[in-house]
PDB file of N, CA and C in Angstrom:
ATOM      1  N   UNK A   1       4.101  -5.750   1.920  1.00  0.00           N
ATOM      2  CA  UNK A   1       4.127  -7.256   2.528  1.00  0.00           C
ATOM      3  C   UNK A   1       4.563  -8.236   1.263  1.00  0.00           C
ATOM      4  N   UNK A   2       5.285  -7.591   0.377  1.00  0.00           N
ATOM      5  CA  UNK A   2       5.839  -8.352  -0.611  1.00  0.00           C
ATOM      6  C   UNK A   2       6.838  -9.481  -0.068  1.00  0.00           C
ATOM      7  N   UNK A   3       7.501  -8.890   1.026  1.00  0.00           N
ATOM      8  CA  UNK A   3       8.668  -9.881   1.635  1.00  0.00           C
ATOM      9  C   UNK A   3       8.139 -10.824   2.654  1.00  0.00           C
ATOM     10  N   UNK A   4       6.777 -10.715   2.871  1.00  0.00           N
ATOM     11  CA  UNK A   4       6.276 -11.436   4.005  1.00  0.00           C
ATOM     12  C   UNK A   4       6.487 -13.061   3.858  1.00  0.00           C
ATOM     13  N   UNK A   5       6.382 -13.441   2.537  1.00  0.00           N
ATOM     14  CA  UNK A   5       6.613 -14.927   2.380  1.00  0.00           C
ATOM     15  C   UNK A   5       8.127 -15.280   2.662  1.00  0.00           C
ATOM     16  N   UNK A   6       9.007 -14.289   2.170  1.00  0.00           N
ATOM     17  CA  UNK A   6      10.432 -14.472   2.548  1.00  0.00           C
ATOM     18  C   UNK A   6      10.749 -14.298   3.991  1.00  0.00           C
ATOM     19  N   UNK A   7       9.902 -13.862   4.691  1.00  0.00           N
ATOM     20  CA  UNK A   7      10.072 -13.943   6.294  1.00  0.00           C
ATOM     21  C   UNK A   7       9.417 -15.102   6.862  1.00  0.00           C
ATOM     22  N   UNK A   8       9.143 -16.135   6.157  1.00  0.00           N
ATOM     23  CA  UNK A   8       8.488 -17.244   6.715  1.00  0.00           C
ATOM     24  C   UNK A   8       9.137 -17.761   7.917  1.00  0.00           C
ATOM     25  N   UNK A   9      10.432 -17.889   7.832  1.00  0.00           N
ATOM     26  CA  UNK A   9      11.194 -18.380   8.964  1.00  0.00           C
ATOM     27  C   UNK A   9      10.952 -17.622  10.090  1.00  0.00           C
ATOM     28  N   UNK A  10      11.138 -16.400  10.157  1.00  0.00           N
ATOM     29  CA  UNK A  10      10.942 -15.450  11.238  1.00  0.00           C
ATOM     30  C   UNK A  10       9.511 -15.755  11.895  1.00  0.00           C
ATOM     31  N   UNK A  11       8.367 -15.625  10.923  1.00  0.00           N
ATOM     32  CA  UNK A  11       6.998 -15.929  11.383  1.00  0.00           C
ATOM     33  C   UNK A  11       6.923 -17.389  12.114  1.00  0.00           C
ATOM     34  N   UNK A  12       7.736 -18.380  11.402  1.00  0.00           N
ATOM     35  CA  UNK A  12       7.663 -19.791  11.940  1.00  0.00           C
ATOM     36  C   UNK A  12       8.125 -19.835  13.332  1.00  0.00           C
ATOM     37  N   UNK A  13       9.288 -19.091  13.774  1.00  0.00           N
ATOM     38  CA  UNK A  13       9.774 -18.914  15.016  1.00  0.00           C
ATOM     39  C   UNK A  13       8.751 -18.363  15.942  1.00  0.00           C
ATOM     40  N   UNK A  14       8.106 -17.308  15.528  1.00  0.00           N
ATOM     41  CA  UNK A  14       7.190 -16.568  16.374  1.00  0.00           C
ATOM     42  C   UNK A  14       6.149 -17.344  16.628  1.00  0.00           C
ATOM     43  N   UNK A  15       5.452 -18.114  15.661  1.00  0.00           N
ATOM     44  CA  UNK A  15       4.452 -18.935  15.918  1.00  0.00           C
ATOM     45  C   UNK A  15       4.819 -20.224  16.791  1.00  0.00           C
ATOM     46  N   UNK A  16       6.015 -20.642  16.627  1.00  0.00           N
ATOM     47  CA  UNK A  16       6.425 -21.737  17.454  1.00  0.00           C
ATOM     48  C   UNK A  16       6.541 -21.199  19.016  1.00  0.00           C
ATOM     49  N   UNK A  17       6.841 -20.002  19.129  1.00  0.00           N
ATOM     50  CA  UNK A  17       6.908 -19.475  20.457  1.00  0.00           C
ATOM     51  C   UNK A  17       5.499 -19.135  21.084  1.00  0.00           C
ATOM     52  N   UNK A  18       4.425 -19.287  20.190  1.00  0.00           N
ATOM     53  CA  UNK A  18       3.144 -19.066  20.726  1.00  0.00           C
ATOM     54  C   UNK A  18       2.392 -17.966  20.275  1.00  0.00           C
ATOM     55  N   UNK A  19       2.849 -17.256  19.254  1.00  0.00           N
ATOM     56  CA  UNK A  19       2.206 -16.176  18.600  1.00  0.00           C
ATOM     57  C   UNK A  19       0.996 -16.713  17.915  1.00  0.00           C
ATOM     58  N   UNK A  20      -0.273 -16.139  18.178  1.00  0.00           N
ATOM     59  CA  UNK A  20      -1.416 -16.635  17.575  1.00  0.00           C
ATOM     60  C   UNK A  20      -1.679 -16.028  16.111  1.00  0.00           C
ATOM     61  N   UNK A  21      -2.558 -16.676  15.398  1.00  0.00           N
ATOM     62  CA  UNK A  21      -2.909 -16.075  14.017  1.00  0.00           C
ATOM     63  C   UNK A  21      -3.405 -14.645  14.132  1.00  0.00           C
ATOM     64  N   UNK A  22      -4.100 -14.423  15.185  1.00  0.00           N
ATOM     65  CA  UNK A  22      -4.549 -13.068  15.179  1.00  0.00           C
ATOM     66  C   UNK A  22      -3.390 -11.871  15.474  1.00  0.00           C
ATOM     67  N   UNK A  23      -2.484 -12.533  16.474  1.00  0.00           N
ATOM     68  CA  UNK A  23      -1.380 -11.549  16.754  1.00  0.00           C
ATOM     69  C   UNK A  23      -0.420 -11.586  15.571  1.00  0.00           C
ATOM     70  N   UNK A  24      -0.330 -12.516  14.679  1.00  0.00           N
ATOM     71  CA  UNK A  24       0.488 -12.425  13.442  1.00  0.00           C
ATOM     72  C   UNK A  24      -0.256 -11.529  12.620  1.00  0.00           C
ATOM     73  N   UNK A  25      -1.486 -11.399  12.400  1.00  0.00           N
ATOM     74  CA  UNK A  25      -2.187 -10.447  11.591  1.00  0.00           C
ATOM     75  C   UNK A  25      -1.975  -9.132  12.082  1.00  0.00           C
ATOM     76  N   UNK A  26      -2.040  -8.801  13.570  1.00  0.00           N
ATOM     77  CA  UNK A  26      -1.734  -7.512  14.101  1.00  0.00           C
ATOM     78  C   UNK A  26      -0.357  -7.132  13.977  1.00  0.00           C
ATOM     79  N   UNK A  27       0.604  -8.063  13.881  1.00  0.00           N
ATOM     80  CA  UNK A  27       1.989  -7.636  13.614  1.00  0.00           C
ATOM     81  C   UNK A  27       2.233  -7.270  12.163  1.00  0.00           C
ATOM     82  N   UNK A  28       1.577  -7.851  11.132  1.00  0.00           N
ATOM     83  CA  UNK A  28       1.635  -7.588   9.863  1.00  0.00           C
ATOM     84  C   UNK A  28       1.049  -6.187   9.656  1.00  0.00           C
ATOM     85  N   UNK A  29      -0.138  -5.958  10.343  1.00  0.00           N
ATOM     86  CA  UNK A  29      -0.706  -4.582  10.179  1.00  0.00           C
ATOM     87  C   UNK A  29       0.021  -3.419  10.661  1.00  0.00           C
ATOM     88  N   UNK A  30       0.517  -3.696  11.794  1.00  0.00           N
ATOM     89  CA  UNK A  30       1.356  -2.580  12.495  1.00  0.00           C
ATOM     90  C   UNK A  30       2.542  -2.262  11.705  1.00  0.00           C
ATOM     91  N   UNK A  31       3.035  -3.331  11.117  1.00  0.00           N
ATOM     92  CA  UNK A  31       4.399  -3.003  10.236  1.00  0.00           C
ATOM     93  C   UNK A  31       4.155  -2.271   9.016  1.00  0.00           C
ATOM     94  N   UNK A  32       3.001  -2.685   8.326  1.00  0.00           N
ATOM     95  CA  UNK A  32       2.751  -2.225   6.961  1.00  0.00           C
ATOM     96  C   UNK A  32       1.834  -1.124   6.732  1.00  0.00           C
ATOM     97  N   UNK A  33       0.984  -0.803   7.849  1.00  0.00           N
ATOM     98  CA  UNK A  33       0.063   0.374   7.629  1.00  0.00           C
ATOM     99  C   UNK A  33       0.758   1.757   7.633  1.00  0.00           C
ATOM    100  N   UNK A  34       1.714   2.022   8.241  1.00  0.00           N
ATOM    101  CA  UNK A  34       2.410   3.389   8.237  1.00  0.00           C
ATOM    102  C   UNK A  34       3.015   3.413   6.887  1.00  0.00           C
ATOM    103  N   UNK A  35       3.753   2.345   6.339  1.00  0.00           N
ATOM    104  CA  UNK A  35       4.219   2.457   4.900  1.00  0.00           C
ATOM    105  C   UNK A  35       3.264   2.726   3.992  1.00  0.00           C
ATOM    106  N   UNK A  36       1.924   2.111   4.084  1.00  0.00           N
ATOM    107  CA  UNK A  36       0.878   2.511   3.171  1.00  0.00           C
ATOM    108  C   UNK A  36       0.360   3.795   3.222  1.00  0.00           C
ATOM    109  N   UNK A  37       0.249   4.349   4.552  1.00  0.00           N
ATOM    110  CA  UNK A  37      -0.234   5.763   4.684  1.00  0.00           C
ATOM    111  C   UNK A  37       0.880   6.742   4.197  1.00  0.00           C
ATOM    112  N   UNK A  38       1.943   6.571   4.569  1.00  0.00           N
ATOM    113  CA  UNK A  38       3.092   7.440   3.963  1.00  0.00           C
ATOM    114  C   UNK A  38       3.131   7.474   2.415  1.00  0.00           C
ATOM    115  N   UNK A  39       2.971   6.274   1.794  1.00  0.00           N
ATOM    116  CA  UNK A  39       2.888   6.173   0.434  1.00  0.00           C
ATOM    117  C   UNK A  39       1.794   6.935  -0.155  1.00  0.00           C
ATOM    118  N   UNK A  40       0.596   6.928   0.572  1.00  0.00           N
ATOM    119  CA  UNK A  40      -0.687   7.543  -0.012  1.00  0.00           C
ATOM    120  C   UNK A  40      -0.312   9.062   0.154  1.00  0.00           C
ATOM    121  N   UNK A  41       0.222   9.528   1.162  1.00  0.00           N
ATOM    122  CA  UNK A  41       0.554  10.876   1.421  1.00  0.00           C
ATOM    123  C   UNK A  41       1.486  11.405   0.490  1.00  0.00           C
ATOM    124  N   UNK A  42       2.600  10.694   0.257  1.00  0.00           N
ATOM    125  CA  UNK A  42       3.607  11.161  -0.679  1.00  0.00           C
ATOM    126  C   UNK A  42       3.091  11.141  -2.018  1.00  0.00           C
ATOM    127  N   UNK A  43       2.289  10.154  -2.522  1.00  0.00           N
ATOM    128  CA  UNK A  43       1.827  10.184  -3.807  1.00  0.00           C
ATOM    129  C   UNK A  43       0.932  11.425  -4.078  1.00  0.00           C
ATOM    130  N   UNK A  44       0.060  11.650  -3.096  1.00  0.00           N
ATOM    131  CA  UNK A  44      -0.870  12.757  -3.274  1.00  0.00           C
ATOM    132  C   UNK A  44      -0.066  14.135  -3.248  1.00  0.00           C
ATOM    133  N   UNK A  45       0.975  14.238  -2.557  1.00  0.00           N
ATOM    134  CA  UNK A  45       1.832  15.374  -2.713  1.00  0.00           C
ATOM    135  C   UNK A  45       2.409  15.535  -4.023  1.00  0.00           C
ATOM    136  N   UNK A  46       3.122  14.516  -4.538  1.00  0.00           N
ATOM    137  CA  UNK A  46       3.638  14.417  -5.706  1.00  0.00           C
ATOM    138  C   UNK A  46       2.684  14.824  -6.808  1.00  0.00           C
ATOM    139  N   UNK A  47       1.583  14.080  -6.715  1.00  0.00           N
ATOM    140  CA  UNK A  47       0.547  14.364  -7.881  1.00  0.00           C
ATOM    141  C   UNK A  47       0.062  15.805  -7.751  1.00  0.00           C
ATOM    142  N   UNK A  48      -0.218  16.309  -6.755  1.00  0.00           N
ATOM    143  CA  UNK A  48      -0.749  17.633  -6.617  1.00  0.00           C
ATOM    144  C   UNK A  48       0.466  18.602  -7.065  1.00  0.00           C
ATOM    145  N   UNK A  49       1.611  18.368  -6.787  1.00  0.00           N
ATOM    146  CA  UNK A  49       2.665  19.315  -7.270  1.00  0.00           C
ATOM    147  C   UNK A  49       2.865  19.067  -8.617  1.00  0.00           C
ATOM    148  N   UNK A  50       2.856  17.918  -9.317  1.00  0.00           N
ATOM    149  CA  UNK A  50       3.023  17.777 -10.761  1.00  0.00           C
ATOM    150  C   UNK A  50       1.908  18.469 -11.451  1.00  0.00           C
ATOM    151  N   UNK A  51       0.652  18.531 -10.859  1.00  0.00           N
ATOM    152  CA  UNK A  51      -0.468  18.888 -11.414  1.00  0.00           C
ATOM    153  C   UNK A  51      -0.264  20.410 -11.626  1.00  0.00           C
ATOM    154  N   UNK A  52       0.346  21.210 -10.692  1.00  0.00           N
ATOM    155  CA  UNK A  52       0.491  22.615 -10.746  1.00  0.00           C
ATOM    156  C   UNK A  52       1.642  22.717 -11.770  1.00  0.00           C
ATOM    157  N   UNK A  53       2.781  22.013 -11.748  1.00  0.00           N
ATOM    158  CA  UNK A  53       3.932  22.281 -12.629  1.00  0.00           C
ATOM    159  C   UNK A  53       3.438  22.128 -14.185  1.00  0.00           C
ATOM    160  N   UNK A  54       2.648  21.119 -14.315  1.00  0.00           N
ATOM    161  CA  UNK A  54       2.258  20.856 -15.804  1.00  0.00           C
ATOM    162  C   UNK A  54       1.248  21.699 -16.298  1.00  0.00           C
ATOM    163  N   UNK A  55       0.537  22.382 -15.481  1.00  0.00           N
ATOM    164  CA  UNK A  55      -0.684  23.216 -15.777  1.00  0.00           C
ATOM    165  C   UNK A  55      -0.287  24.167 -17.079  1.00  0.00           C
ATOM    166  N   UNK A  56       0.754  24.959 -16.847  1.00  0.00           N
ATOM    167  CA  UNK A  56       1.109  25.765 -18.105  1.00  0.00           C
ATOM    168  C   UNK A  56       1.298  24.912 -19.328  1.00  0.00           C
ATOM    169  N   UNK A  57       1.979  23.787 -19.405  1.00  0.00           N
ATOM    170  CA  UNK A  57       2.301  23.087 -20.483  1.00  0.00           C
ATOM    171  C   UNK A  57       0.931  22.513 -21.066  1.00  0.00           C
ATOM    172  N   UNK A  58      -0.024  22.032 -20.212  1.00  0.00           N
ATOM    173  CA  UNK A  58      -1.174  21.412 -20.725  1.00  0.00           C
ATOM    174  C   UNK A  58      -2.042  22.528 -21.210  1.00  0.00           C
ATOM    175  N   UNK A  59      -2.107  23.674 -20.653  1.00  0.00           N
ATOM    176  CA  UNK A  59      -2.791  24.742 -21.060  1.00  0.00           C
ATOM    177  C   UNK A  59      -2.396  25.241 -22.507  1.00  0.00           C
ATOM    178  N   UNK A  60      -1.180  25.317 -22.615  1.00  0.00           N
ATOM    179  CA  UNK A  60      -0.599  25.655 -23.957  1.00  0.00           C
ATOM    180  C   UNK A  60      -0.888  24.633 -24.992  1.00  0.00           C
ATOM    181  N   UNK A  61      -0.847  23.492 -24.710  1.00  0.00           N
ATOM    182  CA  UNK A  61      -1.135  22.365 -25.713  1.00  0.00           C
ATOM    183  C   UNK A  61      -2.629  22.258 -26.115  1.00  0.00           C
ATOM    184  N   UNK A  62      -3.403  22.599 -25.007  1.00  0.00           N
ATOM    185  CA  UNK A  62      -4.835  22.616 -25.281  1.00  0.00           C
ATOM    186  C   UNK A  62      -5.232  23.889 -26.135  1.00  0.00           C
ATOM    187  N   UNK A  63      -4.607  24.978 -25.799  1.00  0.00           N
ATOM    188  CA  UNK A  63      -4.937  26.214 -26.465  1.00  0.00           C
ATOM    189  C   UNK A  63      -4.616  26.094 -28.059  1.00  0.00           C
ATOM    190  N   UNK A  64      -3.486  25.429 -28.380  1.00  0.00           N
ATOM    191  CA  UNK A  64      -3.145  25.204 -29.699  1.00  0.00           C
ATOM    192  C   UNK A  64      -4.052  24.202 -30.437  1.00  0.00           C
ATOM    193  N   UNK A  65      -4.597  23.231 -29.694  1.00  0.00           N
ATOM    194  CA  UNK A  65      -5.277  22.158 -30.342  1.00  0.00           C
ATOM    195  C   UNK A  65      -6.715  22.439 -30.377  1.00  0.00           C
ATOM    196  N   UNK A  66      -7.234  22.977 -29.346  1.00  0.00           N
ATOM    197  CA  UNK A  66      -8.553  23.099 -29.199  1.00  0.00           C
ATOM    198  C   UNK A  66      -9.093  24.699 -29.233  1.00  0.00           C
ATOM    199  N   UNK A  67      -8.475  25.225 -30.158  1.00  0.00           N
ATOM    200  CA  UNK A  67      -9.084  26.702 -30.452  1.00  0.00           C
ATOM    201  C   UNK A  67      -9.298  27.653 -29.216  1.00  0.00           C
ATOM    202  N   UNK A  68      -8.070  27.711 -28.346  1.00  0.00           N
ATOM    203  CA  UNK A  68      -8.147  28.699 -27.491  1.00  0.00           C
ATOM    204  C   UNK A  68      -8.539  28.220 -25.958  1.00  0.00           C
ATOM    205  N   UNK A  69      -8.877  26.803 -25.815  1.00  0.00           N
ATOM    206  CA  UNK A  69      -9.161  26.449 -24.561  1.00  0.00           C
ATOM    207  C   UNK A  69      -7.890  26.303 -23.732  1.00  0.00           C
ATOM    208  N   UNK A  70      -8.121  26.880 -22.509  1.00  0.00           N
ATOM    209  CA  UNK A  70      -6.997  26.806 -21.602  1.00  0.00           C
ATOM    210  C   UNK A  70      -7.330  26.240 -20.214  1.00  0.00           C
ATOM    211  N   UNK A  71      -6.352  26.011 -19.444  1.00  0.00           N
ATOM    212  CA  UNK A  71      -6.709  25.548 -18.147  1.00  0.00           C
ATOM    213  C   UNK A  71      -6.273  26.655 -17.106  1.00  0.00           C
ATOM    214  N   UNK A  72      -7.319  27.078 -16.436  1.00  0.00           N
ATOM    215  CA  UNK A  72      -7.259  28.205 -15.494  1.00  0.00           C
ATOM    216  C   UNK A  72      -6.714  27.714 -14.076  1.00  0.00           C
ATOM    217  N   UNK A  73      -7.266  26.573 -13.615  1.00  0.00           N
ATOM    218  CA  UNK A  73      -6.972  26.257 -12.325  1.00  0.00           C
ATOM    219  C   UNK A  73      -7.121  24.794 -12.378  1.00  0.00           C
ATOM    220  N   UNK A  74      -6.677  23.889 -11.215  1.00  0.00           N
ATOM    221  CA  UNK A  74      -6.871  22.471 -11.087  1.00  0.00           C
ATOM    222  C   UNK A  74      -8.105  22.395 -10.049  1.00  0.00           C
ATOM    223  N   UNK A  75      -8.772  21.315 -10.308  1.00  0.00           N
ATOM    224  CA  UNK A  75      -9.752  21.219  -9.308  1.00  0.00           C
ATOM    225  C   UNK A  75      -9.746  19.698  -8.863  1.00  0.00           C
ATOM    226  N   UNK A  76      -9.584  19.550  -7.560  1.00  0.00           N
ATOM    227  CA  UNK A  76      -9.535  18.091  -7.162  1.00  0.00           C
ATOM    228  C   UNK A  76     -10.612  17.862  -6.277  1.00  0.00           C
ATOM    229  N   UNK A  77     -11.316  16.668  -6.713  1.00  0.00           N
ATOM    230  CA  UNK A  77     -12.594  16.236  -5.933  1.00  0.00           C
ATOM    231  C   UNK A  77     -12.134  15.505  -4.699  1.00  0.00           C
ATOM    232  N   UNK A  78     -11.838  16.114  -3.576  1.00  0.00           N
ATOM    233  CA  UNK A  78     -11.373  15.290  -2.387  1.00  0.00           C
ATOM    234  C   UNK A  78     -12.235  14.212  -1.868  1.00  0.00           C
ATOM    235  N   UNK A  79     -13.657  14.307  -1.898  1.00  0.00           N
ATOM    236  CA  UNK A  79     -14.331  13.304  -1.631  1.00  0.00           C
ATOM    237  C   UNK A  79     -14.106  11.952  -2.242  1.00  0.00           C
ATOM    238  N   UNK A  80     -13.861  12.081  -3.749  1.00  0.00           N
ATOM    239  CA  UNK A  80     -13.588  11.000  -4.454  1.00  0.00           C
ATOM    240  C   UNK A  80     -12.073  10.502  -4.078  1.00  0.00           C
ATOM    241  N   UNK A  81     -11.277  11.328  -3.872  1.00  0.00           N
ATOM    242  CA  UNK A  81      -9.904  10.893  -3.585  1.00  0.00           C
ATOM    243  C   UNK A  81      -9.869  10.125  -2.147  1.00  0.00           C
ATOM    244  N   UNK A  82     -10.835  10.688  -1.140  1.00  0.00           N
ATOM    245  CA  UNK A  82     -10.756   9.970   0.042  1.00  0.00           C
ATOM    246  C   UNK A  82     -11.554   8.765  -0.038  1.00  0.00           C
ATOM    247  N   UNK A  83     -12.542   8.582  -0.958  1.00  0.00           N
ATOM    248  CA  UNK A  83     -13.105   7.307  -1.165  1.00  0.00           C
ATOM    249  C   UNK A  83     -12.223   6.234  -1.771  1.00  0.00           C
ATOM    250  N   UNK A  84     -11.265   6.768  -2.658  1.00  0.00           N
ATOM    251  CA  UNK A  84     -10.280   5.784  -3.208  1.00  0.00           C
ATOM    252  C   UNK A  84      -9.126   5.424  -2.379  1.00  0.00           C
ATOM    253  N   UNK A  85      -8.902   6.312  -1.350  1.00  0.00           N
ATOM    254  CA  UNK A  85      -7.995   5.958  -0.387  1.00  0.00           C
ATOM    255  C   UNK A  85      -8.588   4.912   0.733  1.00  0.00           C
ATOM    256  N   UNK A  86      -9.946   5.062   0.969  1.00  0.00           N
ATOM    257  CA  UNK A  86     -10.592   4.015   1.828  1.00  0.00           C
ATOM    258  C   UNK A  86     -10.661   2.656   1.153  1.00  0.00           C
ATOM    259  N   UNK A  87     -10.824   2.584  -0.169  1.00  0.00           N
ATOM    260  CA  UNK A  87     -10.874   1.420  -1.029  1.00  0.00           C
ATOM    261  C   UNK A  87      -9.571   0.865  -1.054  1.00  0.00           C
ATOM    262  N   UNK A  88      -8.479   1.544  -1.225  1.00  0.00           N
ATOM    263  CA  UNK A  88      -7.121   0.993  -1.242  1.00  0.00           C
ATOM    264  C   UNK A  88      -6.696   0.479   0.195  1.00  0.00           C
ATOM    265  N   UNK A  89      -7.076   1.100   1.193  1.00  0.00           N
ATOM    266  CA  UNK A  89      -6.809   0.658   2.560  1.00  0.00           C
ATOM    267  C   UNK A  89      -7.505  -0.671   2.806  1.00  0.00           C
ATOM    268  N   UNK A  90      -8.739  -0.708   2.398  1.00  0.00           N
ATOM    269  CA  UNK A  90      -9.665  -2.007   2.565  1.00  0.00           C
ATOM    270  C   UNK A  90      -9.116  -3.150   1.922  1.00  0.00           C
ATOM    271  N   UNK A  91      -8.643  -2.873   0.526  1.00  0.00           N
ATOM    272  CA  UNK A  91      -8.111  -3.916  -0.322  1.00  0.00           C
ATOM    273  C   UNK A  91      -6.660  -4.366   0.527  1.00  0.00           C
ATOM    274  N   UNK A  92      -5.871  -3.399   0.815  1.00  0.00           N
ATOM    275  CA  UNK A  92      -4.779  -3.865   1.442  1.00  0.00           C
ATOM    276  C   UNK A  92      -4.899  -4.479   2.876  1.00  0.00           C
ATOM    277  N   UNK A  93      -5.936  -4.352   3.562  1.00  0.00           N
ATOM    278  CA  UNK A  93      -6.262  -5.067   4.766  1.00  0.00           C
ATOM    279  C   UNK A  93      -6.763  -6.393   4.409  1.00  0.00           C
ATOM    280  N   UNK A  94      -7.576  -6.609   3.431  1.00  0.00           N
ATOM    281  CA  UNK A  94      -7.977  -7.908   3.080  1.00  0.00           C
ATOM    282  C   UNK A  94      -6.897  -8.832   2.520  1.00  0.00           C
ATOM    283  N   UNK A  95      -5.752  -8.108   1.903  1.00  0.00           N
ATOM    284  CA  UNK A  95      -4.621  -8.719   1.430  1.00  0.00           C
ATOM    285  C   UNK A  95      -3.815  -9.348   2.726  1.00  0.00           C
ATOM    286  N   UNK A  96      -3.807  -8.486   3.781  1.00  0.00           N
ATOM    287  CA  UNK A  96      -3.083  -8.816   4.971  1.00  0.00           C
ATOM    288  C   UNK A  96      -3.883  -9.977   5.572  1.00  0.00           C
ATOM    289  N   UNK A  97      -5.154  -9.914   5.704  1.00  0.00           N
ATOM    290  CA  UNK A  97      -5.964 -11.034   6.331  1.00  0.00           C
ATOM    291  C   UNK A  97      -5.586 -12.438   5.535  1.00  0.00           C
ATOM    292  N   UNK A  98      -5.760 -12.330   4.180  1.00  0.00           N
ATOM    293  CA  UNK A  98      -5.464 -13.634   3.388  1.00  0.00           C
ATOM    294  C   UNK A  98      -4.042 -13.953   3.584  1.00  0.00           C
ATOM    295  N   UNK A  99      -3.025 -13.044   3.601  1.00  0.00           N
ATOM    296  CA  UNK A  99      -1.587 -13.487   3.918  1.00  0.00           C
ATOM    297  C   UNK A  99      -1.445 -14.247   5.235  1.00  0.00           C
ATOM    298  N   UNK A 100      -2.079 -13.638   6.069  1.00  0.00           N
ATOM    299  CA  UNK A 100      -1.906 -14.219   7.544  1.00  0.00           C
ATOM    300  C   UNK A 100      -2.632 -15.532   7.554  1.00  0.00           C
ATOM    301  N   UNK A 101      -3.827 -15.660   6.823  1.00  0.00           N
ATOM    302  CA  UNK A 101      -4.529 -16.955   6.829  1.00  0.00           C
ATOM    303  C   UNK A 101      -3.578 -18.045   6.165  1.00  0.00           C
ATOM    304  N   UNK A 102      -2.906 -17.540   4.923  1.00  0.00           N
ATOM    305  CA  UNK A 102      -1.995 -18.560   4.243  1.00  0.00           C
ATOM    306  C   UNK A 102      -0.869 -18.852   5.147  1.00  0.00           C
ATOM    307  N   UNK A 103      -0.271 -17.950   5.932  1.00  0.00           N
ATOM    308  CA  UNK A 103       1.001 -18.390   6.752  1.00  0.00           C
ATOM    309  C   UNK A 103       0.449 -19.290   7.913  1.00  0.00           C
ATOM    310  N   UNK A 104      -0.673 -19.013   8.577  1.00  0.00           N
ATOM    311  CA  UNK A 104      -1.091 -19.856   9.609  1.00  0.00           C
ATOM    312  C   UNK A 104      -1.512 -21.238   9.068  1.00  0.00           C
ATOM    313  N   UNK A 105      -2.115 -21.216   7.938  1.00  0.00           N
ATOM    314  CA  UNK A 105      -2.434 -22.542   7.300  1.00  0.00           C
ATOM    315  C   UNK A 105      -1.474 -23.308   6.818  1.00  0.00           C
ATOM    316  N   UNK A 106      -0.154 -22.559   6.434  1.00  0.00           N
ATOM    317  CA  UNK A 106       0.936 -23.370   5.978  1.00  0.00           C
ATOM    318  C   UNK A 106       1.681 -24.039   7.033  1.00  0.00           C
ATOM    319  N   UNK A 107       1.205 -23.918   8.310  1.00  0.00           N
ATOM    320  CA  UNK A 107       1.969 -24.468   9.442  1.00  0.00           C
ATOM    321  C   UNK A 107       3.408 -24.223   9.561  1.00  0.00           C
ATOM    322  N   UNK A 108       3.845 -23.098   9.272  1.00  0.00           N
ATOM    323  CA  UNK A 108       5.166 -22.482   9.268  1.00  0.00           C
ATOM    324  C   UNK A 108       5.894 -22.854  10.681  1.00  0.00           C
ATOM    325  N   UNK A 109       5.101 -22.933  11.737  1.00  0.00           N
ATOM    326  CA  UNK A 109       5.579 -23.165  13.076  1.00  0.00           C
ATOM    327  C   UNK A 109       6.134 -24.504  13.243  1.00  0.00           C
ATOM    328  N   UNK A 110       5.614 -25.441  12.436  1.00  0.00           N
ATOM    329  CA  UNK A 110       5.992 -26.915  12.577  1.00  0.00           C
ATOM    330  C   UNK A 110       7.151 -27.320  11.733  1.00  0.00           C
ATOM    331  N   UNK A 111       7.633 -26.305  10.922  1.00  0.00           N
ATOM    332  CA  UNK A 111       8.671 -26.624  10.068  1.00  0.00           C
ATOM    333  C   UNK A 111      10.162 -26.590  10.693  1.00  0.00           C
ATOM    334  N   UNK A 112      10.962 -27.491  10.382  1.00  0.00           N
ATOM    335  CA  UNK A 112      12.215 -27.194  11.005  1.00  0.00           C
ATOM    336  C   UNK A 112      13.256 -26.858   9.901  1.00  0.00           C
ATOM    337  N   UNK A 113      14.231 -26.164  10.273  1.00  0.00           N
ATOM    338  CA  UNK A 113      15.185 -25.671   9.368  1.00  0.00           C
ATOM    339  C   UNK A 113      16.634 -26.368   9.801  1.00  0.00           C
ATOM    340  N   UNK A 114      17.387 -26.656   8.846  1.00  0.00           N
ATOM    341  CA  UNK A 114      18.673 -27.179   9.092  1.00  0.00           C
ATOM    342  C   UNK A 114      19.688 -26.038   8.588  1.00  0.00           C
ATOM    343  N   UNK A 115      20.477 -25.592   9.645  1.00  0.00           N
ATOM    344  CA  UNK A 115      21.268 -24.360   9.237  1.00  0.00           C
ATOM    345  C   UNK A 115      22.723 -25.082   8.854  1.00  0.00           C
ATOM    346  N   UNK A 116      23.374 -24.421   7.822  1.00  0.00           N
ATOM    347  CA  UNK A 116      24.792 -24.704   7.481  1.00  0.00           C
ATOM    348  C   UNK A 116      25.592 -24.238   8.511  1.00  0.00           C
ATOM    349  N   UNK A 117      26.686 -24.995   8.834  1.00  0.00           N
ATOM    350  CA  UNK A 117      27.486 -24.590   9.885  1.00  0.00           C
ATOM    351  C   UNK A 117      28.780 -24.095   9.204  1.00  0.00           C
TER     352      UNK A 117
END
């Protein structure tokens, strides 16, 4: 939603055509939630893959510095990861609500633009 303020003109036209604040929030949600979910899944996959790739190197470094301590396997606390995901989605949702409130309050639908010919 970084570009949402850059899309103020588009939102202004939609609001002038009768889009309500709630519909604007729904539009922002539908556009951004798949990106967030795909980002979370891709980040998890990359992190999990990197953990497995780096395990031999970390195990070797620990064995040298901590008198033989090695990493046998990675352990992921999935309930904690799920809790973090829920918190991230909630934070993202609150940002969307705030953004839609700012856009509605800015009265972007009452602004006129003069186009260069």
